[in-house]
Each structure stands twice: as structure tokens, then as C-alpha cells.
Amino acid sequence: MAEIDELVRRTVASVSMIADRAVGFSTKLLLVVVAVCVGGFLLGVAALSDGIQAVWIVLGIVFGSIAIGCAGVARWRVGAVRRHIPELATEVRTMIGEGAPESQTVIDTFVVDVDGAAPEGADPDAPGGPPTGSAIVMSRQMGGFGSAVGPGLARWPRLFAAVRALTTFPFLMLAAVGISLVFGFLGFIFLIALAL
């Protein structure tokens, strides 16, 4: 029983660490995305006129909403992981206690020592491997894990939601950053047009 408790504690601590890093990163990125998209949109409205201004307003609202929405959804999902740690711990304990087939993959993926090394007996080539590094790198590593055990996690909704939040995080951030870069570039062009 003590061994199961230790595995649960280490698994939940690892998930919590990843979620904390992702929350910090996504909060900062959300603020930048909002500033860049709103700034670029307003510069476009000021620089353009007539029919092209109407097109810009429609496109700006659509793509700005997508960028801000992607960053907001990513932030909300990883924040939800952190808010539901007790339920997540209960589900992991139940899964390991039942000896569910997915439990070994969960342990291999999430249980890491303080120095980032996998525990004894863990498969270093398990999908995703032990999470290390930044929030984006860690959540990208979860992609292999999500595809390896995704359908089997349906019995554990909090664990499934945590895996989904961590696996979709890099894609949502990439979409937000990509659209923001376009807004930033266009905003710079609109600023030059206003200055001339």
C-alpha cells in the first residue's frame, strides 16, 4: 500500500509541476496575444478605409478571436488540471490499485525523480518518456502518451482531461502565436502607412 501511495504522490506531483509551468507560460502568452491582436486590429481600422476596412474588420475579428480563444482555452484547460488535483489523485490511486493496463504507461510517463530521471523499472522508451524541460516540450512529450492510452483513460475523466489538456497545449499555443505574428506584422505595416 505504501508503494502505491508513493507512486500516486509522485505521479500527481509530476502532473502538477507540468500544469504549473504550462499555466505560467500560457498566462503570459495570453496577455501578449491579446495586446498584439487588439493593437494590430485597431491600427488596421485606423489605416484602412472604405471596403478594405470592412474586410479587415471582419477578418480581424475572426482571426483575433481564434488567436485569443486558443490561448484562453489552453490556459483554462491547464488551469483545470491544477484545480482538480485531489480528484486526479483518487483516480490514479484507483487505476494503480486495480492494476489497469494503462497504469504502467501512466507511471512510466509521469513518475520522475527530483533530478528528472525515470524510476527504477520504468521503460525509458515509453510513449512520451519522462517529462523534462519547458511546458511546451513537456506537453509535446505527452502527445505519444495520449495516443498510446487515450481511449483507455475514458474510465478516469480527470486523468483523461489532464492528458487532453497537456497534449493539446502546444497546438493551441502554436495557433495563437502564429496568428499573433501575422497581426504583429500587419500592425507594423499599418503603423508605417499611418506615419506616411
Protein backbone atom coordinates (compact mmCIF):
# COMPACT_ATOMS: atom_id res chain seq x y z
CA MET A 1 0.00 0.00 0.00
CA ALA A 2 2.84 2.39 0.83
CA GLU A 3 4.34 1.73 -2.61
CA ILE A 4 1.04 2.65 -4.31
CA ASP A 5 0.78 5.83 -2.22
CA GLU A 6 4.32 6.82 -3.23
CA LEU A 7 3.58 6.18 -6.92
CA VAL A 8 0.38 8.23 -6.68
CA ARG A 9 2.18 11.07 -4.89
CA ARG A 10 4.98 11.18 -7.47
CA THR A 11 2.57 10.91 -10.41
CA VAL A 12 0.35 13.71 -9.13
CA ALA A 13 3.38 15.87 -8.25
CA SER A 14 4.73 15.45 -11.78
CA VAL A 15 1.37 16.30 -13.39
CA SER A 16 1.05 19.28 -11.07
CA MET A 17 4.55 20.52 -11.97
CA ILE A 18 3.79 20.31 -15.69
CA ALA A 19 0.45 22.08 -15.20
CA ASP A 20 2.08 24.84 -13.11
CA ARG A 21 4.67 25.54 -15.79
CA ALA A 22 2.04 25.47 -18.52
CA VAL A 23 -0.23 27.86 -16.56
CA GLY A 24 2.60 30.36 -16.09
CA PHE A 25 3.61 30.24 -19.74
CA SER A 26 0.06 30.39 -21.08
CA THR A 27 -0.93 33.31 -18.83
CA LYS A 28 1.94 35.43 -20.13
CA LEU A 29 1.29 34.37 -23.71
CA LEU A 30 -2.43 35.14 -23.40
CA LEU A 31 -1.64 38.71 -22.34
CA VAL A 32 0.78 39.15 -25.26
CA VAL A 33 -1.67 37.65 -27.76
CA VAL A 34 -4.45 39.98 -26.60
CA ALA A 35 -2.19 43.04 -26.80
CA VAL A 36 -0.81 42.18 -30.26
CA CYS A 37 -4.16 41.20 -31.79
CA VAL A 38 -6.09 44.15 -30.41
CA GLY A 39 -3.28 46.56 -31.29
CA GLY A 40 -2.94 45.22 -34.83
CA PHE A 41 -6.70 45.27 -35.29
CA LEU A 42 -7.05 48.89 -34.15
CA LEU A 43 -4.11 50.01 -36.31
CA GLY A 44 -5.75 48.33 -39.30
CA VAL A 45 -9.07 50.04 -38.66
CA ALA A 46 -7.28 53.40 -38.44
CA ALA A 47 -5.07 52.87 -41.50
CA LEU A 48 -7.62 51.40 -43.92
CA SER A 49 -10.71 52.95 -45.43
CA ASP A 50 -13.88 52.09 -47.34
CA GLY A 51 -14.40 48.48 -48.48
CA ILE A 52 -11.00 47.19 -47.44
CA GLN A 53 -11.63 48.48 -43.93
CA ALA A 54 -14.85 46.44 -43.73
CA VAL A 55 -12.98 43.33 -44.91
CA TRP A 56 -10.24 43.97 -42.34
CA ILE A 57 -12.81 44.37 -39.56
CA VAL A 58 -14.40 41.02 -40.38
CA LEU A 59 -11.08 39.18 -40.84
CA GLY A 60 -9.53 40.88 -37.81
CA ILE A 61 -12.40 39.91 -35.55
CA VAL A 62 -12.45 36.31 -36.81
CA PHE A 63 -8.71 35.64 -36.64
CA GLY A 64 -8.20 37.72 -33.48
CA SER A 65 -10.93 35.71 -31.78
CA ILE A 66 -9.29 32.47 -32.89
CA ALA A 67 -5.87 33.53 -31.54
CA ILE A 68 -7.22 34.82 -28.23
CA GLY A 69 -9.58 31.84 -27.96
CA CYS A 70 -6.77 29.32 -28.50
CA ALA A 71 -4.61 30.95 -25.84
CA GLY A 72 -7.58 31.24 -23.48
CA VAL A 73 -8.68 27.61 -23.93
CA ALA A 74 -5.13 26.35 -23.39
CA ARG A 75 -4.84 28.44 -20.20
CA TRP A 76 -8.24 27.31 -18.94
CA ARG A 77 -7.53 23.60 -19.59
CA VAL A 78 -4.16 23.50 -17.83
CA GLY A 79 -5.62 25.58 -15.00
CA ALA A 80 -8.38 22.98 -14.61
CA VAL A 81 -5.76 20.27 -14.16
CA ARG A 82 -4.38 22.18 -11.18
CA ARG A 83 -7.84 22.78 -9.69
CA HIS A 84 -8.72 19.06 -9.74
CA ILE A 85 -5.57 17.54 -8.22
CA PRO A 86 -7.45 15.71 -5.37
CA GLU A 87 -9.81 14.00 -7.84
CA LEU A 88 -6.87 13.20 -10.09
CA ALA A 89 -5.01 11.59 -7.18
CA THR A 90 -8.06 9.46 -6.35
CA GLU A 91 -8.35 8.28 -9.96
CA VAL A 92 -4.64 7.45 -10.23
CA ARG A 93 -4.79 5.53 -6.92
CA THR A 94 -7.81 3.56 -8.15
CA MET A 95 -6.21 2.84 -11.52
CA ILE A 96 -2.95 1.61 -10.00
CA GLY A 97 -4.80 -0.35 -7.30
CA GLU A 98 -6.94 -2.13 -9.90
CA GLY A 99 -3.86 -2.93 -11.98
CA ALA A 100 -5.42 -1.35 -15.07
CA PRO A 101 -3.37 -1.91 -18.25
CA GLU A 102 -2.88 1.85 -18.66
CA SER A 103 -1.41 2.25 -15.18
CA GLN A 104 2.11 1.16 -16.18
CA THR A 105 2.16 3.66 -19.04
CA VAL A 106 0.93 6.40 -16.69
CA ILE A 107 3.68 5.53 -14.19
CA ASP A 108 6.36 5.36 -16.89
CA THR A 109 5.28 8.71 -18.30
CA PHE A 110 4.65 10.79 -15.22
CA VAL A 111 6.67 9.37 -12.35
CA VAL A 112 10.05 11.07 -12.30
CA ASP A 113 12.63 11.61 -9.60
CA VAL A 114 13.56 15.08 -8.46
CA ASP A 115 16.53 15.09 -10.85
CA GLY A 116 14.28 14.16 -13.79
CA ALA A 117 15.33 10.51 -14.00
CA ALA A 118 12.73 7.82 -14.50
CA PRO A 119 12.10 5.48 -11.58
CA GLU A 120 13.70 2.06 -11.38
CA GLY A 121 11.95 -0.39 -13.66
CA ALA A 122 10.36 2.34 -15.77
CA ASP A 123 10.62 1.98 -19.51
CA PRO A 124 12.75 4.88 -20.81
CA ASP A 125 11.27 4.38 -24.28
CA ALA A 126 7.67 4.61 -23.07
CA PRO A 127 5.45 6.92 -25.12
CA GLY A 128 6.38 10.45 -24.20
CA GLY A 129 9.16 9.40 -21.82
CA PRO A 130 9.60 11.15 -18.51
CA PRO A 131 8.60 14.80 -18.79
CA THR A 132 11.51 17.23 -18.69
CA GLY A 133 12.18 20.82 -19.69
CA SER A 134 9.76 23.61 -20.53
CA ALA A 135 5.98 23.45 -20.51
CA ILE A 136 5.82 23.24 -24.33
CA VAL A 137 8.44 20.47 -24.53
CA MET A 138 6.79 18.50 -21.73
CA SER A 139 3.33 18.74 -23.19
CA ARG A 140 4.65 17.73 -26.61
CA GLN A 141 6.13 14.65 -24.96
CA MET A 142 2.64 13.85 -23.69
CA GLY A 143 1.42 13.52 -27.31
CA GLY A 144 2.76 9.99 -27.64
CA PHE A 145 1.31 9.14 -24.26
CA GLY A 146 -2.13 10.45 -25.21
CA SER A 147 -2.27 8.36 -28.35
CA ALA A 148 -0.95 5.29 -26.53
CA VAL A 149 -3.55 5.20 -23.75
CA GLY A 150 -6.15 7.83 -24.74
CA PRO A 151 -9.19 5.56 -25.24
CA GLY A 152 -8.34 3.50 -22.16
CA LEU A 153 -8.46 6.57 -19.94
CA ALA A 154 -12.18 7.17 -20.53
CA ARG A 155 -12.92 5.44 -17.20
CA TRP A 156 -10.92 8.14 -15.39
CA PRO A 157 -12.33 11.51 -16.51
CA ARG A 158 -9.90 13.74 -14.53
CA LEU A 159 -6.85 11.88 -15.80
CA PHE A 160 -8.28 11.93 -19.31
CA ALA A 161 -8.88 15.70 -19.04
CA ALA A 162 -5.33 16.23 -17.75
CA VAL A 163 -3.83 14.25 -20.61
CA ARG A 164 -6.00 16.12 -23.13
CA ALA A 165 -5.00 19.48 -21.65
CA LEU A 166 -1.31 18.62 -21.80
CA THR A 167 -1.41 17.07 -25.27
CA THR A 168 -3.39 19.88 -26.92
CA PHE A 169 -1.47 22.67 -25.17
CA PRO A 170 1.36 23.03 -27.75
CA PHE A 171 -1.03 23.06 -30.71
CA LEU A 172 -3.26 25.72 -29.17
CA MET A 173 -0.23 27.84 -28.28
CA LEU A 174 1.22 27.42 -31.77
CA ALA A 175 -2.03 28.61 -33.36
CA ALA A 176 -2.20 31.62 -31.03
CA VAL A 177 1.43 32.57 -31.67
CA GLY A 178 1.14 32.10 -35.45
CA ILE A 179 -1.90 34.33 -35.78
CA SER A 180 -0.39 36.89 -33.40
CA LEU A 181 2.74 37.09 -35.54
CA VAL A 182 0.57 37.90 -38.56
CA PHE A 183 -1.26 40.58 -36.55
CA GLY A 184 2.05 42.00 -35.37
CA PHE A 185 3.46 42.14 -38.90
CA LEU A 186 0.31 43.72 -40.30
CA GLY A 187 0.19 46.14 -37.37
CA PHE A 188 3.73 47.27 -38.21
CA ILE A 189 2.71 47.83 -41.85
CA PHE A 190 -0.40 49.75 -40.77
CA LEU A 191 1.74 51.87 -38.45
CA ILE A 192 4.05 52.76 -41.32
CA ALA A 193 1.04 53.58 -43.52
CA LEU A 194 -0.34 55.88 -40.81
CA ALA A 195 3.02 57.61 -40.43
CA LEU A 196 3.28 58.41 -44.17
